[in-house]
Amino acid sequence: MSQRHLLSVLMLRTLAIVVMVPVTLLAGVYGLLALGLLVSFVVEEAVLSIEDMLRRVGLAVLLGGGWFGIVTGWRLYYHFLKSSAYPLWSTWAWAGLFSGTLCSAILLVITGQTFMLWPLLGAAWLAGLLVSAGRNRHSA
């Protein structure tokens, strides 16, 4: 194993421990709460205003989009642990990174919690790896 590859694996493992694991755990806890809220909205028989419906749709979109970003992040993590090649599913990778970034930015604005900057760090790092792999693919 080359020293460059060893450094790359070390940086990826650090990213996973410091950024991805805490983000995934918190998304799991708050995602379950949001899912419970969405289920309670479905069984509720009250007449809803347009604003209430938009909030519920927005919550469902944020939940789905955020998890799409997290799953994409983990797939990229495992891909780059094994290889430095540009993934064949790069279109989905970019879409997932964009989705996770957008959901994190929306939650940052809505909640004001600075922790929402943390997923952006992971998305930026993985996007950098994806760009680097794309450059290596074109230069080879």
N, C-alpha and C. Protein backbone atom coordinates (compact mmCIF):
# COMPACT_ATOMS: atom_id res chain seq x y z
N MET A 1 0.85 -1.17 0.00
CA MET A 1 0.00 0.00 0.00
C MET A 1 0.90 1.24 0.00
N SER A 2 0.66 2.15 -0.95
CA SER A 2 1.48 3.34 -1.04
C SER A 2 1.16 4.30 0.10
N GLN A 3 2.10 5.18 0.35
CA GLN A 3 1.91 6.12 1.45
C GLN A 3 0.78 7.10 1.13
N ARG A 4 0.63 7.44 -0.15
CA ARG A 4 -0.45 8.35 -0.54
C ARG A 4 -1.81 7.68 -0.29
N HIS A 5 -1.92 6.40 -0.66
CA HIS A 5 -3.18 5.68 -0.44
C HIS A 5 -3.45 5.53 1.06
N LEU A 6 -2.43 5.29 1.84
CA LEU A 6 -2.58 5.17 3.29
C LEU A 6 -3.08 6.48 3.90
N LEU A 7 -2.53 7.61 3.44
CA LEU A 7 -2.97 8.92 3.92
C LEU A 7 -4.43 9.18 3.51
N SER A 8 -4.78 8.78 2.30
CA SER A 8 -6.15 8.95 1.83
C SER A 8 -7.13 8.15 2.69
N VAL A 9 -6.78 6.91 3.00
CA VAL A 9 -7.63 6.07 3.84
C VAL A 9 -7.74 6.66 5.25
N LEU A 10 -6.64 7.15 5.78
CA LEU A 10 -6.65 7.76 7.11
C LEU A 10 -7.56 8.99 7.13
N MET A 11 -7.49 9.81 6.10
CA MET A 11 -8.34 11.00 6.04
C MET A 11 -9.82 10.61 5.91
N LEU A 12 -10.11 9.59 5.10
CA LEU A 12 -11.48 9.12 4.96
C LEU A 12 -12.02 8.57 6.28
N ARG A 13 -11.21 7.81 6.98
CA ARG A 13 -11.65 7.26 8.28
C ARG A 13 -11.90 8.40 9.29
N THR A 14 -11.06 9.41 9.26
CA THR A 14 -11.25 10.56 10.14
C THR A 14 -12.56 11.27 9.80
N LEU A 15 -12.82 11.44 8.50
CA LEU A 15 -14.07 12.06 8.06
C LEU A 15 -15.27 11.25 8.56
N ALA A 16 -15.18 9.94 8.47
CA ALA A 16 -16.29 9.10 8.91
C ALA A 16 -16.53 9.24 10.41
N ILE A 17 -15.45 9.19 11.20
CA ILE A 17 -15.59 9.24 12.66
C ILE A 17 -16.04 10.62 13.14
N VAL A 18 -15.46 11.66 12.57
CA VAL A 18 -15.71 13.02 13.08
C VAL A 18 -16.98 13.63 12.50
N VAL A 19 -17.30 13.32 11.24
CA VAL A 19 -18.43 13.99 10.59
C VAL A 19 -19.59 13.03 10.32
N MET A 20 -19.32 11.96 9.61
CA MET A 20 -20.41 11.14 9.08
C MET A 20 -21.16 10.34 10.14
N VAL A 21 -20.46 9.76 11.10
CA VAL A 21 -21.13 8.98 12.14
C VAL A 21 -22.03 9.88 13.01
N PRO A 22 -21.53 11.02 13.52
CA PRO A 22 -22.44 11.87 14.32
C PRO A 22 -23.64 12.38 13.53
N VAL A 23 -23.40 12.76 12.28
CA VAL A 23 -24.50 13.26 11.45
C VAL A 23 -25.53 12.16 11.22
N THR A 24 -25.07 10.94 10.95
CA THR A 24 -25.99 9.83 10.71
C THR A 24 -26.78 9.50 11.98
N LEU A 25 -26.12 9.48 13.13
CA LEU A 25 -26.82 9.18 14.38
C LEU A 25 -27.88 10.23 14.70
N LEU A 26 -27.51 11.51 14.56
CA LEU A 26 -28.49 12.56 14.84
C LEU A 26 -29.62 12.56 13.82
N ALA A 27 -29.30 12.29 12.57
CA ALA A 27 -30.35 12.21 11.55
C ALA A 27 -31.27 11.03 11.83
N GLY A 28 -30.71 9.96 12.38
CA GLY A 28 -31.55 8.81 12.74
C GLY A 28 -32.53 9.16 13.84
N VAL A 29 -32.06 9.82 14.86
CA VAL A 29 -32.93 10.19 15.98
C VAL A 29 -33.99 11.19 15.53
N TYR A 30 -33.56 12.28 14.90
CA TYR A 30 -34.52 13.30 14.47
C TYR A 30 -35.36 12.82 13.29
N GLY A 31 -34.81 11.93 12.48
CA GLY A 31 -35.58 11.36 11.38
C GLY A 31 -36.73 10.51 11.88
N LEU A 32 -36.47 9.72 12.95
CA LEU A 32 -37.55 8.93 13.54
C LEU A 32 -38.63 9.82 14.15
N LEU A 33 -38.21 10.92 14.77
CA LEU A 33 -39.20 11.86 15.30
C LEU A 33 -40.02 12.48 14.18
N ALA A 34 -39.36 12.86 13.09
CA ALA A 34 -40.07 13.45 11.95
C ALA A 34 -40.99 12.42 11.30
N LEU A 35 -40.54 11.18 11.21
CA LEU A 35 -41.38 10.14 10.65
C LEU A 35 -42.61 9.90 11.52
N GLY A 36 -42.43 9.91 12.81
CA GLY A 36 -43.57 9.78 13.72
C GLY A 36 -44.54 10.94 13.56
N LEU A 37 -44.00 12.13 13.39
CA LEU A 37 -44.84 13.31 13.16
C LEU A 37 -45.61 13.19 11.85
N LEU A 38 -44.94 12.71 10.81
CA LEU A 38 -45.61 12.53 9.52
C LEU A 38 -46.72 11.49 9.61
N VAL A 39 -46.46 10.40 10.34
CA VAL A 39 -47.49 9.36 10.51
C VAL A 39 -48.67 9.92 11.29
N SER A 40 -48.40 10.72 12.30
CA SER A 40 -49.50 11.31 13.07
C SER A 40 -50.29 12.29 12.21
N PHE A 41 -49.64 12.94 11.26
CA PHE A 41 -50.35 13.84 10.35
C PHE A 41 -51.29 13.05 9.43
N VAL A 42 -50.88 11.85 9.05
CA VAL A 42 -51.69 11.04 8.14
C VAL A 42 -52.97 10.58 8.83
N VAL A 43 -52.87 10.17 10.09
CA VAL A 43 -54.05 9.66 10.78
C VAL A 43 -54.92 10.77 11.35
N GLU A 44 -54.41 11.97 11.39
CA GLU A 44 -55.19 13.10 11.89
C GLU A 44 -56.30 13.40 10.89
N GLU A 45 -57.50 13.63 11.40
CA GLU A 45 -58.65 13.83 10.52
C GLU A 45 -59.10 15.29 10.47
N ALA A 46 -58.28 16.19 10.93
CA ALA A 46 -58.67 17.60 10.95
C ALA A 46 -58.59 18.20 9.55
N VAL A 47 -59.38 19.23 9.34
CA VAL A 47 -59.32 19.97 8.08
C VAL A 47 -58.06 20.83 8.11
N LEU A 48 -57.27 20.74 7.05
CA LEU A 48 -55.98 21.40 7.05
C LEU A 48 -55.99 22.65 6.17
N SER A 49 -55.23 23.62 6.59
CA SER A 49 -55.04 24.79 5.75
C SER A 49 -53.93 24.50 4.74
N ILE A 50 -53.79 25.35 3.77
CA ILE A 50 -52.74 25.18 2.76
C ILE A 50 -51.36 25.25 3.42
N GLU A 51 -51.19 26.12 4.39
CA GLU A 51 -49.91 26.25 5.08
C GLU A 51 -49.53 24.96 5.80
N ASP A 52 -50.51 24.34 6.45
CA ASP A 52 -50.25 23.07 7.15
C ASP A 52 -49.84 21.98 6.16
N MET A 53 -50.53 21.92 5.05
CA MET A 53 -50.20 20.91 4.04
C MET A 53 -48.79 21.14 3.49
N LEU A 54 -48.44 22.39 3.23
CA LEU A 54 -47.10 22.70 2.72
C LEU A 54 -46.02 22.36 3.73
N ARG A 55 -46.28 22.59 5.00
CA ARG A 55 -45.32 22.21 6.04
C ARG A 55 -45.11 20.70 6.08
N ARG A 56 -46.18 19.96 5.94
CA ARG A 56 -46.08 18.51 5.97
C ARG A 56 -45.34 17.97 4.75
N VAL A 57 -45.64 18.52 3.60
CA VAL A 57 -44.93 18.12 2.38
C VAL A 57 -43.46 18.51 2.50
N GLY A 58 -43.21 19.70 3.02
CA GLY A 58 -41.83 20.15 3.21
C GLY A 58 -41.06 19.24 4.16
N LEU A 59 -41.70 18.81 5.23
CA LEU A 59 -41.06 17.90 6.18
C LEU A 59 -40.73 16.57 5.50
N ALA A 60 -41.65 16.05 4.70
CA ALA A 60 -41.42 14.79 4.00
C ALA A 60 -40.28 14.93 2.99
N VAL A 61 -40.24 16.06 2.29
CA VAL A 61 -39.17 16.29 1.30
C VAL A 61 -37.82 16.43 2.01
N LEU A 62 -37.77 17.16 3.11
CA LEU A 62 -36.52 17.30 3.87
C LEU A 62 -36.05 15.96 4.42
N LEU A 63 -36.97 15.16 4.89
CA LEU A 63 -36.62 13.85 5.43
C LEU A 63 -36.05 12.95 4.33
N GLY A 64 -36.73 12.88 3.21
CA GLY A 64 -36.26 12.05 2.11
C GLY A 64 -34.98 12.56 1.48
N GLY A 65 -34.91 13.86 1.27
CA GLY A 65 -33.72 14.46 0.66
C GLY A 65 -32.49 14.36 1.56
N GLY A 66 -32.70 14.54 2.85
CA GLY A 66 -31.58 14.42 3.79
C GLY A 66 -31.03 13.01 3.83
N TRP A 67 -31.91 12.03 3.87
CA TRP A 67 -31.44 10.65 3.90
C TRP A 67 -30.81 10.23 2.58
N PHE A 68 -31.30 10.78 1.47
CA PHE A 68 -30.66 10.52 0.18
C PHE A 68 -29.22 11.03 0.22
N GLY A 69 -29.02 12.20 0.80
CA GLY A 69 -27.66 12.74 0.95
C GLY A 69 -26.78 11.92 1.86
N ILE A 70 -27.33 11.45 2.97
CA ILE A 70 -26.54 10.65 3.91
C ILE A 70 -26.14 9.30 3.30
N VAL A 71 -27.10 8.64 2.67
CA VAL A 71 -26.79 7.35 2.04
C VAL A 71 -25.77 7.53 0.92
N THR A 72 -25.91 8.59 0.15
CA THR A 72 -24.93 8.87 -0.91
C THR A 72 -23.55 9.12 -0.31
N GLY A 73 -23.49 9.85 0.79
CA GLY A 73 -22.21 10.10 1.46
C GLY A 73 -21.53 8.81 1.88
N TRP A 74 -22.30 7.90 2.46
CA TRP A 74 -21.72 6.62 2.88
C TRP A 74 -21.29 5.77 1.68
N ARG A 75 -22.07 5.80 0.62
CA ARG A 75 -21.68 5.05 -0.59
C ARG A 75 -20.37 5.60 -1.16
N LEU A 76 -20.25 6.92 -1.19
CA LEU A 76 -19.00 7.53 -1.67
C LEU A 76 -17.84 7.19 -0.75
N TYR A 77 -18.09 7.22 0.54
CA TYR A 77 -17.05 6.87 1.51
C TYR A 77 -16.50 5.47 1.23
N TYR A 78 -17.38 4.50 1.12
CA TYR A 78 -16.93 3.12 0.87
C TYR A 78 -16.32 2.96 -0.52
N HIS A 79 -16.83 3.71 -1.49
CA HIS A 79 -16.24 3.64 -2.82
C HIS A 79 -14.79 4.14 -2.79
N PHE A 80 -14.56 5.29 -2.15
CA PHE A 80 -13.22 5.86 -2.13
C PHE A 80 -12.29 5.14 -1.16
N LEU A 81 -12.82 4.35 -0.25
CA LEU A 81 -11.95 3.50 0.56
C LEU A 81 -11.33 2.40 -0.31
N LYS A 82 -12.11 1.88 -1.24
CA LYS A 82 -11.65 0.79 -2.10
C LYS A 82 -10.88 1.27 -3.31
N SER A 83 -11.24 2.45 -3.84
CA SER A 83 -10.69 2.87 -5.12
C SER A 83 -10.65 4.39 -5.19
N SER A 84 -9.76 4.90 -6.01
CA SER A 84 -9.74 6.34 -6.25
C SER A 84 -10.33 6.66 -7.63
N ALA A 85 -10.97 5.67 -8.24
CA ALA A 85 -11.57 5.84 -9.57
C ALA A 85 -12.88 6.63 -9.47
N TYR A 86 -13.22 7.26 -10.57
CA TYR A 86 -14.48 7.98 -10.67
C TYR A 86 -15.61 6.96 -10.70
N PRO A 87 -16.61 7.08 -9.81
CA PRO A 87 -17.67 6.06 -9.77
C PRO A 87 -18.55 6.11 -11.03
N LEU A 88 -19.00 4.95 -11.44
CA LEU A 88 -19.88 4.88 -12.60
C LEU A 88 -21.23 5.53 -12.33
N TRP A 89 -21.61 5.60 -11.08
CA TRP A 89 -22.88 6.19 -10.66
C TRP A 89 -22.70 7.65 -10.22
N SER A 90 -21.77 8.35 -10.87
CA SER A 90 -21.42 9.71 -10.45
C SER A 90 -22.59 10.69 -10.55
N THR A 91 -23.49 10.48 -11.50
CA THR A 91 -24.65 11.37 -11.61
C THR A 91 -25.49 11.29 -10.34
N TRP A 92 -25.71 10.08 -9.85
CA TRP A 92 -26.44 9.90 -8.60
C TRP A 92 -25.65 10.45 -7.41
N ALA A 93 -24.34 10.32 -7.48
CA ALA A 93 -23.50 10.83 -6.39
C ALA A 93 -23.63 12.35 -6.29
N TRP A 94 -23.56 13.03 -7.43
CA TRP A 94 -23.71 14.48 -7.42
C TRP A 94 -25.10 14.89 -6.96
N ALA A 95 -26.11 14.16 -7.41
CA ALA A 95 -27.48 14.47 -6.99
C ALA A 95 -27.65 14.28 -5.48
N GLY A 96 -27.08 13.22 -4.94
CA GLY A 96 -27.17 12.97 -3.50
C GLY A 96 -26.43 14.01 -2.68
N LEU A 97 -25.24 14.39 -3.14
CA LEU A 97 -24.49 15.44 -2.43
C LEU A 97 -25.24 16.77 -2.47
N PHE A 98 -25.82 17.09 -3.62
CA PHE A 98 -26.60 18.32 -3.74
C PHE A 98 -27.83 18.27 -2.83
N SER A 99 -28.50 17.13 -2.82
CA SER A 99 -29.70 16.97 -1.99
C SER A 99 -29.37 17.13 -0.51
N GLY A 100 -28.32 16.47 -0.05
CA GLY A 100 -27.93 16.58 1.35
C GLY A 100 -27.50 17.99 1.71
N THR A 101 -26.77 18.63 0.80
CA THR A 101 -26.33 20.00 1.04
C THR A 101 -27.52 20.96 1.13
N LEU A 102 -28.45 20.81 0.20
CA LEU A 102 -29.63 21.68 0.19
C LEU A 102 -30.47 21.48 1.44
N CYS A 103 -30.70 20.24 1.84
CA CYS A 103 -31.48 19.97 3.05
C CYS A 103 -30.78 20.52 4.29
N SER A 104 -29.47 20.36 4.35
CA SER A 104 -28.72 20.88 5.50
C SER A 104 -28.80 22.41 5.54
N ALA A 105 -28.68 23.06 4.40
CA ALA A 105 -28.76 24.52 4.36
C ALA A 105 -30.15 25.01 4.75
N ILE A 106 -31.19 24.32 4.28
CA ILE A 106 -32.56 24.70 4.66
C ILE A 106 -32.76 24.54 6.16
N LEU A 107 -32.30 23.44 6.73
CA LEU A 107 -32.42 23.23 8.17
C LEU A 107 -31.61 24.26 8.96
N LEU A 108 -30.48 24.67 8.41
CA LEU A 108 -29.68 25.71 9.06
C LEU A 108 -30.46 27.02 9.13
N VAL A 109 -31.11 27.37 8.04
CA VAL A 109 -31.89 28.61 8.00
C VAL A 109 -33.12 28.51 8.91
N ILE A 110 -33.81 27.37 8.86
CA ILE A 110 -35.05 27.21 9.64
C ILE A 110 -34.76 27.16 11.13
N THR A 111 -33.79 26.34 11.53
CA THR A 111 -33.55 26.10 12.96
C THR A 111 -32.53 27.06 13.56
N GLY A 112 -31.62 27.53 12.75
CA GLY A 112 -30.55 28.38 13.28
C GLY A 112 -29.47 27.59 14.01
N GLN A 113 -29.54 26.27 13.97
CA GLN A 113 -28.56 25.43 14.65
C GLN A 113 -27.28 25.36 13.81
N THR A 114 -26.18 25.77 14.40
CA THR A 114 -24.91 25.76 13.66
C THR A 114 -24.41 24.35 13.40
N PHE A 115 -24.99 23.35 14.09
CA PHE A 115 -24.60 21.97 13.80
C PHE A 115 -24.93 21.58 12.36
N MET A 116 -25.87 22.28 11.76
CA MET A 116 -26.23 21.99 10.38
C MET A 116 -25.10 22.32 9.40
N LEU A 117 -24.07 23.00 9.88
CA LEU A 117 -22.88 23.24 9.05
C LEU A 117 -22.02 21.99 8.95
N TRP A 118 -22.15 21.10 9.92
CA TRP A 118 -21.32 19.90 9.99
C TRP A 118 -21.51 18.99 8.77
N PRO A 119 -22.76 18.69 8.37
CA PRO A 119 -22.93 17.86 7.17
C PRO A 119 -22.35 18.52 5.91
N LEU A 120 -22.35 19.85 5.89
CA LEU A 120 -21.80 20.55 4.73
C LEU A 120 -20.30 20.31 4.60
N LEU A 121 -19.63 20.14 5.72
CA LEU A 121 -18.21 19.83 5.71
C LEU A 121 -17.96 18.47 5.05
N GLY A 122 -18.74 17.47 5.44
CA GLY A 122 -18.62 16.15 4.84
C GLY A 122 -18.95 16.16 3.36
N ALA A 123 -20.01 16.89 2.99
CA ALA A 123 -20.39 16.96 1.57
C ALA A 123 -19.31 17.65 0.75
N ALA A 124 -18.71 18.69 1.29
CA ALA A 124 -17.64 19.39 0.57
C ALA A 124 -16.42 18.49 0.39
N TRP A 125 -16.07 17.73 1.43
CA TRP A 125 -14.92 16.83 1.33
C TRP A 125 -15.16 15.75 0.28
N LEU A 126 -16.35 15.14 0.31
CA LEU A 126 -16.67 14.09 -0.65
C LEU A 126 -16.79 14.64 -2.07
N ALA A 127 -17.31 15.85 -2.20
CA ALA A 127 -17.37 16.47 -3.53
C ALA A 127 -15.97 16.73 -4.06
N GLY A 128 -15.06 17.12 -3.18
CA GLY A 128 -13.67 17.32 -3.58
C GLY A 128 -13.03 16.02 -4.07
N LEU A 129 -13.31 14.93 -3.37
CA LEU A 129 -12.81 13.62 -3.81
C LEU A 129 -13.40 13.23 -5.16
N LEU A 130 -14.67 13.54 -5.35
CA LEU A 130 -15.33 13.22 -6.61
C LEU A 130 -14.76 14.04 -7.76
N VAL A 131 -14.51 15.32 -7.52
CA VAL A 131 -13.89 16.17 -8.54
C VAL A 131 -12.49 15.68 -8.87
N SER A 132 -11.72 15.35 -7.84
CA SER A 132 -10.36 14.86 -8.04
C SER A 132 -10.36 13.56 -8.85
N ALA A 133 -11.27 12.66 -8.54
CA ALA A 133 -11.36 11.41 -9.29
C ALA A 133 -11.75 11.67 -10.74
N GLY A 134 -12.62 12.65 -10.95
CA GLY A 134 -13.00 13.01 -12.32
C GLY A 134 -11.84 13.59 -13.11
N ARG A 135 -11.02 14.41 -12.46
CA ARG A 135 -9.84 14.97 -13.13
C ARG A 135 -8.84 13.87 -13.48
N ASN A 136 -8.64 12.94 -12.56
CA ASN A 136 -7.71 11.83 -12.82
C ASN A 136 -8.22 10.96 -13.96
N ARG A 137 -9.52 10.82 -14.07
CA ARG A 137 -10.10 10.02 -15.14
C ARG A 137 -9.85 10.66 -16.50
N HIS A 138 -9.99 12.00 -16.56
CA HIS A 138 -9.79 12.70 -17.82
C HIS A 138 -8.33 12.82 -18.21
N SER A 139 -7.44 12.88 -17.21
CA SER A 139 -6.01 13.04 -17.51
C SER A 139 -5.34 11.71 -17.88
N ALA A 140 -5.97 10.59 -17.50
CA ALA A 140 -5.38 9.28 -17.78
C ALA A 140 -5.60 8.84 -19.21
